[in-house]
Amino acid sequence: MDKLPMNDVPMLVSAINFLLRDHEFETLDEICNHFNVNRAALEAKLATQGFEWSEQQKKFW
């Protein structure tokens, strides 16, 4: 994956959860660093659509 689908929230959530589930990245911070995305801005964007980050489960839901 070259970049995250930032303009399509459901696809963005799916992509992040996929990358974590398949162990391509261990943490959300690693994903944000790799794709040069501000974590706080990412979480805020997804929160506006009803998604929240679970650190314990390592996924958005």
PDB file of N, CA and C in Angstrom:
ATOM      1  N   MET A   1       0.858  -1.167   0.000  1.00  0.00           N
ATOM      2  CA  MET A   1       0.000   0.000   0.000  1.00  0.00           C
ATOM      3  C   MET A   1       0.907   1.233   0.000  1.00  0.00           C
ATOM      4  N   ASP A   2       0.700   2.092  -0.985  1.00  0.00           N
ATOM      5  CA  ASP A   2       1.531   3.290  -1.119  1.00  0.00           C
ATOM      6  C   ASP A   2       1.073   4.438  -0.240  1.00  0.00           C
ATOM      7  N   LYS A   3      -0.246   4.535  -0.049  1.00  0.00           N
ATOM      8  CA  LYS A   3      -0.787   5.607   0.787  1.00  0.00           C
ATOM      9  C   LYS A   3      -2.112   5.161   1.380  1.00  0.00           C
ATOM     10  N   LEU A   4      -2.509   5.850   2.420  1.00  0.00           N
ATOM     11  CA  LEU A   4      -3.789   5.550   3.058  1.00  0.00           C
ATOM     12  C   LEU A   4      -4.905   6.272   2.313  1.00  0.00           C
ATOM     13  N   PRO A   5      -6.087   5.650   2.201  1.00  0.00           N
ATOM     14  CA  PRO A   5      -7.220   6.285   1.515  1.00  0.00           C
ATOM     15  C   PRO A   5      -7.893   7.330   2.416  1.00  0.00           C
ATOM     16  N   MET A   6      -7.253   8.473   2.574  1.00  0.00           N
ATOM     17  CA  MET A   6      -7.687   9.490   3.533  1.00  0.00           C
ATOM     18  C   MET A   6      -9.063  10.086   3.227  1.00  0.00           C
ATOM     19  N   ASN A   7      -9.516  10.035   1.981  1.00  0.00           N
ATOM     20  CA  ASN A   7     -10.794  10.655   1.618  1.00  0.00           C
ATOM     21  C   ASN A   7     -11.981   9.703   1.708  1.00  0.00           C
ATOM     22  N   ASP A   8     -11.739   8.468   2.078  1.00  0.00           N
ATOM     23  CA  ASP A   8     -12.801   7.467   2.184  1.00  0.00           C
ATOM     24  C   ASP A   8     -12.700   6.827   3.571  1.00  0.00           C
ATOM     25  N   VAL A   9     -13.471   7.357   4.519  1.00  0.00           N
ATOM     26  CA  VAL A   9     -13.336   6.945   5.921  1.00  0.00           C
ATOM     27  C   VAL A   9     -13.533   5.442   6.129  1.00  0.00           C
ATOM     28  N   PRO A  10     -14.574   4.821   5.586  1.00  0.00           N
ATOM     29  CA  PRO A  10     -14.700   3.372   5.803  1.00  0.00           C
ATOM     30  C   PRO A  10     -13.501   2.581   5.263  1.00  0.00           C
ATOM     31  N   MET A  11     -12.993   2.980   4.106  1.00  0.00           N
ATOM     32  CA  MET A  11     -11.815   2.312   3.546  1.00  0.00           C
ATOM     33  C   MET A  11     -10.572   2.584   4.387  1.00  0.00           C
ATOM     34  N   LEU A  12     -10.473   3.783   4.937  1.00  0.00           N
ATOM     35  CA  LEU A  12      -9.345   4.152   5.790  1.00  0.00           C
ATOM     36  C   LEU A  12      -9.322   3.283   7.048  1.00  0.00           C
ATOM     37  N   VAL A  13     -10.466   3.149   7.689  1.00  0.00           N
ATOM     38  CA  VAL A  13     -10.570   2.300   8.886  1.00  0.00           C
ATOM     39  C   VAL A  13     -10.208   0.859   8.536  1.00  0.00           C
ATOM     40  N   SER A  14     -10.748   0.382   7.440  1.00  0.00           N
ATOM     41  CA  SER A  14     -10.463  -0.983   7.005  1.00  0.00           C
ATOM     42  C   SER A  14      -8.977  -1.182   6.727  1.00  0.00           C
ATOM     43  N   ALA A  15      -8.355  -0.229   6.055  1.00  0.00           N
ATOM     44  CA  ALA A  15      -6.933  -0.333   5.719  1.00  0.00           C
ATOM     45  C   ALA A  15      -6.071  -0.365   6.978  1.00  0.00           C
ATOM     46  N   ILE A  16      -6.358   0.517   7.916  1.00  0.00           N
ATOM     47  CA  ILE A  16      -5.572   0.560   9.154  1.00  0.00           C
ATOM     48  C   ILE A  16      -5.736  -0.736   9.939  1.00  0.00           C
ATOM     49  N   ASN A  17      -6.972  -1.177  10.091  1.00  0.00           N
ATOM     50  CA  ASN A  17      -7.205  -2.421  10.836  1.00  0.00           C
ATOM     51  C   ASN A  17      -6.553  -3.616  10.138  1.00  0.00           C
ATOM     52  N   PHE A  18      -6.583  -3.627   8.808  1.00  0.00           N
ATOM     53  CA  PHE A  18      -5.944  -4.689   8.034  1.00  0.00           C
ATOM     54  C   PHE A  18      -4.435  -4.703   8.270  1.00  0.00           C
ATOM     55  N   LEU A  19      -3.806  -3.534   8.204  1.00  0.00           N
ATOM     56  CA  LEU A  19      -2.356  -3.445   8.397  1.00  0.00           C
ATOM     57  C   LEU A  19      -1.943  -3.926   9.785  1.00  0.00           C
ATOM     58  N   LEU A  20      -2.754  -3.643  10.773  1.00  0.00           N
ATOM     59  CA  LEU A  20      -2.456  -4.087  12.135  1.00  0.00           C
ATOM     60  C   LEU A  20      -2.750  -5.578  12.316  1.00  0.00           C
ATOM     61  N   ARG A  21      -3.863  -6.024  11.781  1.00  0.00           N
ATOM     62  CA  ARG A  21      -4.263  -7.427  11.935  1.00  0.00           C
ATOM     63  C   ARG A  21      -3.260  -8.365  11.260  1.00  0.00           C
ATOM     64  N   ASP A  22      -2.755  -7.946  10.104  1.00  0.00           N
ATOM     65  CA  ASP A  22      -1.806  -8.784   9.370  1.00  0.00           C
ATOM     66  C   ASP A  22      -0.362  -8.552   9.801  1.00  0.00           C
ATOM     67  N   HIS A  23      -0.188  -7.792  10.870  1.00  0.00           N
ATOM     68  CA  HIS A  23       1.122  -7.545  11.490  1.00  0.00           C
ATOM     69  C   HIS A  23       2.132  -6.883  10.560  1.00  0.00           C
ATOM     70  N   GLU A  24       1.620  -6.099   9.583  1.00  0.00           N
ATOM     71  CA  GLU A  24       2.545  -5.308   8.772  1.00  0.00           C
ATOM     72  C   GLU A  24       3.113  -4.163   9.609  1.00  0.00           C
ATOM     73  N   PHE A  25       2.328  -3.729  10.603  1.00  0.00           N
ATOM     74  CA  PHE A  25       2.747  -2.723  11.572  1.00  0.00           C
ATOM     75  C   PHE A  25       2.270  -3.192  12.934  1.00  0.00           C
ATOM     76  N   GLU A  26       3.016  -2.845  13.968  1.00  0.00           N
ATOM     77  CA  GLU A  26       2.651  -3.263  15.320  1.00  0.00           C
ATOM     78  C   GLU A  26       1.771  -2.248  16.041  1.00  0.00           C
ATOM     79  N   THR A  27       1.878  -0.972  15.663  1.00  0.00           N
ATOM     80  CA  THR A  27       1.128   0.070  16.370  1.00  0.00           C
ATOM     81  C   THR A  27       0.558   1.094  15.396  1.00  0.00           C
ATOM     82  N   LEU A  28      -0.425   1.832  15.872  1.00  0.00           N
ATOM     83  CA  LEU A  28      -0.982   2.928  15.084  1.00  0.00           C
ATOM     84  C   LEU A  28       0.080   3.997  14.847  1.00  0.00           C
ATOM     85  N   ASP A  29       0.936   4.224  15.822  1.00  0.00           N
ATOM     86  CA  ASP A  29       2.016   5.201  15.650  1.00  0.00           C
ATOM     87  C   ASP A  29       2.939   4.814  14.497  1.00  0.00           C
ATOM     88  N   GLU A  30       3.253   3.540  14.364  1.00  0.00           N
ATOM     89  CA  GLU A  30       4.100   3.088  13.255  1.00  0.00           C
ATOM     90  C   GLU A  30       3.438   3.377  11.912  1.00  0.00           C
ATOM     91  N   ILE A  31       2.138   3.133  11.825  1.00  0.00           N
ATOM     92  CA  ILE A  31       1.403   3.410  10.589  1.00  0.00           C
ATOM     93  C   ILE A  31       1.449   4.901  10.280  1.00  0.00           C
ATOM     94  N   CYS A  32       1.163   5.712  11.279  1.00  0.00           N
ATOM     95  CA  CYS A  32       1.164   7.165  11.083  1.00  0.00           C
ATOM     96  C   CYS A  32       2.541   7.661  10.652  1.00  0.00           C
ATOM     97  N   ASN A  33       3.585   7.161  11.270  1.00  0.00           N
ATOM     98  CA  ASN A  33       4.944   7.560  10.893  1.00  0.00           C
ATOM     99  C   ASN A  33       5.270   7.135   9.465  1.00  0.00           C
ATOM    100  N   HIS A  34       4.923   5.922   9.112  1.00  0.00           N
ATOM    101  CA  HIS A  34       5.227   5.398   7.778  1.00  0.00           C
ATOM    102  C   HIS A  34       4.527   6.198   6.677  1.00  0.00           C
ATOM    103  N   PHE A  35       3.252   6.538   6.911  1.00  0.00           N
ATOM    104  CA  PHE A  35       2.468   7.240   5.901  1.00  0.00           C
ATOM    105  C   PHE A  35       2.460   8.755   6.102  1.00  0.00           C
ATOM    106  N   ASN A  36       3.266   9.231   7.059  1.00  0.00           N
ATOM    107  CA  ASN A  36       3.390  10.665   7.335  1.00  0.00           C
ATOM    108  C   ASN A  36       2.024  11.311   7.628  1.00  0.00           C
ATOM    109  N   VAL A  37       1.311  10.710   8.576  1.00  0.00           N
ATOM    110  CA  VAL A  37      -0.016  11.174   8.981  1.00  0.00           C
ATOM    111  C   VAL A  37       0.033  11.550  10.457  1.00  0.00           C
ATOM    112  N   ASN A  38      -0.571  12.673  10.802  1.00  0.00           N
ATOM    113  CA  ASN A  38      -0.651  13.104  12.193  1.00  0.00           C
ATOM    114  C   ASN A  38      -1.671  12.230  12.914  1.00  0.00           C
ATOM    115  N   ARG A  39      -1.231  11.517  13.944  1.00  0.00           N
ATOM    116  CA  ARG A  39      -2.122  10.583  14.642  1.00  0.00           C
ATOM    117  C   ARG A  39      -3.333  11.283  15.253  1.00  0.00           C
ATOM    118  N   ALA A  40      -3.130  12.400  15.922  1.00  0.00           N
ATOM    119  CA  ALA A  40      -4.244  13.110  16.563  1.00  0.00           C
ATOM    120  C   ALA A  40      -5.269  13.552  15.524  1.00  0.00           C
ATOM    121  N   ALA A  41      -4.794  14.047  14.393  1.00  0.00           N
ATOM    122  CA  ALA A  41      -5.702  14.478  13.321  1.00  0.00           C
ATOM    123  C   ALA A  41      -6.449  13.283  12.738  1.00  0.00           C
ATOM    124  N   LEU A  42      -5.753  12.166  12.592  1.00  0.00           N
ATOM    125  CA  LEU A  42      -6.382  10.949  12.080  1.00  0.00           C
ATOM    126  C   LEU A  42      -7.486  10.476  13.020  1.00  0.00           C
ATOM    127  N   GLU A  43      -7.178  10.400  14.305  1.00  0.00           N
ATOM    128  CA  GLU A  43      -8.179   9.958  15.278  1.00  0.00           C
ATOM    129  C   GLU A  43      -9.365  10.917  15.318  1.00  0.00           C
ATOM    130  N   ALA A  44      -9.112  12.216  15.226  1.00  0.00           N
ATOM    131  CA  ALA A  44     -10.191  13.209  15.230  1.00  0.00           C
ATOM    132  C   ALA A  44     -11.071  13.047  13.995  1.00  0.00           C
ATOM    133  N   LYS A  45     -10.445  12.839  12.835  1.00  0.00           N
ATOM    134  CA  LYS A  45     -11.201  12.661  11.588  1.00  0.00           C
ATOM    135  C   LYS A  45     -12.110  11.440  11.681  1.00  0.00           C
ATOM    136  N   LEU A  46     -11.577  10.344  12.185  1.00  0.00           N
ATOM    137  CA  LEU A  46     -12.375   9.125  12.278  1.00  0.00           C
ATOM    138  C   LEU A  46     -13.447   9.233  13.358  1.00  0.00           C
ATOM    139  N   ALA A  47     -13.172   9.968  14.404  1.00  0.00           N
ATOM    140  CA  ALA A  47     -14.162  10.166  15.470  1.00  0.00           C
ATOM    141  C   ALA A  47     -15.390  10.906  14.959  1.00  0.00           C
ATOM    142  N   THR A  48     -15.201  11.806  13.993  1.00  0.00           N
ATOM    143  CA  THR A  48     -16.355  12.541  13.449  1.00  0.00           C
ATOM    144  C   THR A  48     -17.315  11.611  12.713  1.00  0.00           C
ATOM    145  N   GLN A  49     -16.815  10.440  12.324  1.00  0.00           N
ATOM    146  CA  GLN A  49     -17.655   9.453  11.639  1.00  0.00           C
ATOM    147  C   GLN A  49     -18.057   8.303  12.563  1.00  0.00           C
ATOM    148  N   GLY A  50     -17.776   8.462  13.868  1.00  0.00           N
ATOM    149  CA  GLY A  50     -18.213   7.478  14.848  1.00  0.00           C
ATOM    150  C   GLY A  50     -17.225   6.366  15.159  1.00  0.00           C
ATOM    151  N   PHE A  51     -16.010   6.454  14.633  1.00  0.00           N
ATOM    152  CA  PHE A  51     -15.000   5.430  14.904  1.00  0.00           C
ATOM    153  C   PHE A  51     -14.108   5.874  16.045  1.00  0.00           C
ATOM    154  N   GLU A  52     -13.773   4.940  16.920  1.00  0.00           N
ATOM    155  CA  GLU A  52     -12.833   5.271  17.990  1.00  0.00           C
ATOM    156  C   GLU A  52     -11.739   4.215  18.043  1.00  0.00           C
ATOM    157  N   TRP A  53     -10.577   4.642  18.505  1.00  0.00           N
ATOM    158  CA  TRP A  53      -9.412   3.771  18.593  1.00  0.00           C
ATOM    159  C   TRP A  53      -9.435   3.000  19.901  1.00  0.00           C
ATOM    160  N   SER A  54      -9.215   1.703  19.831  1.00  0.00           N
ATOM    161  CA  SER A  54      -9.074   0.865  21.015  1.00  0.00           C
ATOM    162  C   SER A  54      -7.616   0.434  21.109  1.00  0.00           C
ATOM    163  N   GLU A  55      -6.903   0.986  22.067  1.00  0.00           N
ATOM    164  CA  GLU A  55      -5.492   0.626  22.256  1.00  0.00           C
ATOM    165  C   GLU A  55      -5.371  -0.839  22.664  1.00  0.00           C
ATOM    166  N   GLN A  56      -6.305  -1.304  23.477  1.00  0.00           N
ATOM    167  CA  GLN A  56      -6.270  -2.685  23.947  1.00  0.00           C
ATOM    168  C   GLN A  56      -6.455  -3.676  22.792  1.00  0.00           C
ATOM    169  N   GLN A  57      -7.403  -3.382  21.902  1.00  0.00           N
ATOM    170  CA  GLN A  57      -7.673  -4.288  20.782  1.00  0.00           C
ATOM    171  C   GLN A  57      -6.850  -3.957  19.539  1.00  0.00           C
ATOM    172  N   LYS A  58      -6.163  -2.824  19.572  1.00  0.00           N
ATOM    173  CA  LYS A  58      -5.357  -2.345  18.443  1.00  0.00           C
ATOM    174  C   LYS A  58      -6.177  -2.278  17.164  1.00  0.00           C
ATOM    175  N   LYS A  59      -7.309  -1.556  17.242  1.00  0.00           N
ATOM    176  CA  LYS A  59      -8.125  -1.367  16.046  1.00  0.00           C
ATOM    177  C   LYS A  59      -9.103  -0.220  16.250  1.00  0.00           C
ATOM    178  N   PHE A  60      -9.580   0.308  15.127  1.00  0.00           N
ATOM    179  CA  PHE A  60     -10.679   1.265  15.151  1.00  0.00           C
ATOM    180  C   PHE A  60     -11.964   0.475  15.060  1.00  0.00           C
ATOM    181  N   TRP A  61     -12.976   0.960  15.770  1.00  0.00           N
ATOM    182  CA  TRP A  61     -14.292   0.327  15.708  1.00  0.00           C
ATOM    183  C   TRP A  61     -15.361   1.321  16.009  1.00  0.00           C
TER     184      TRP A  61
END
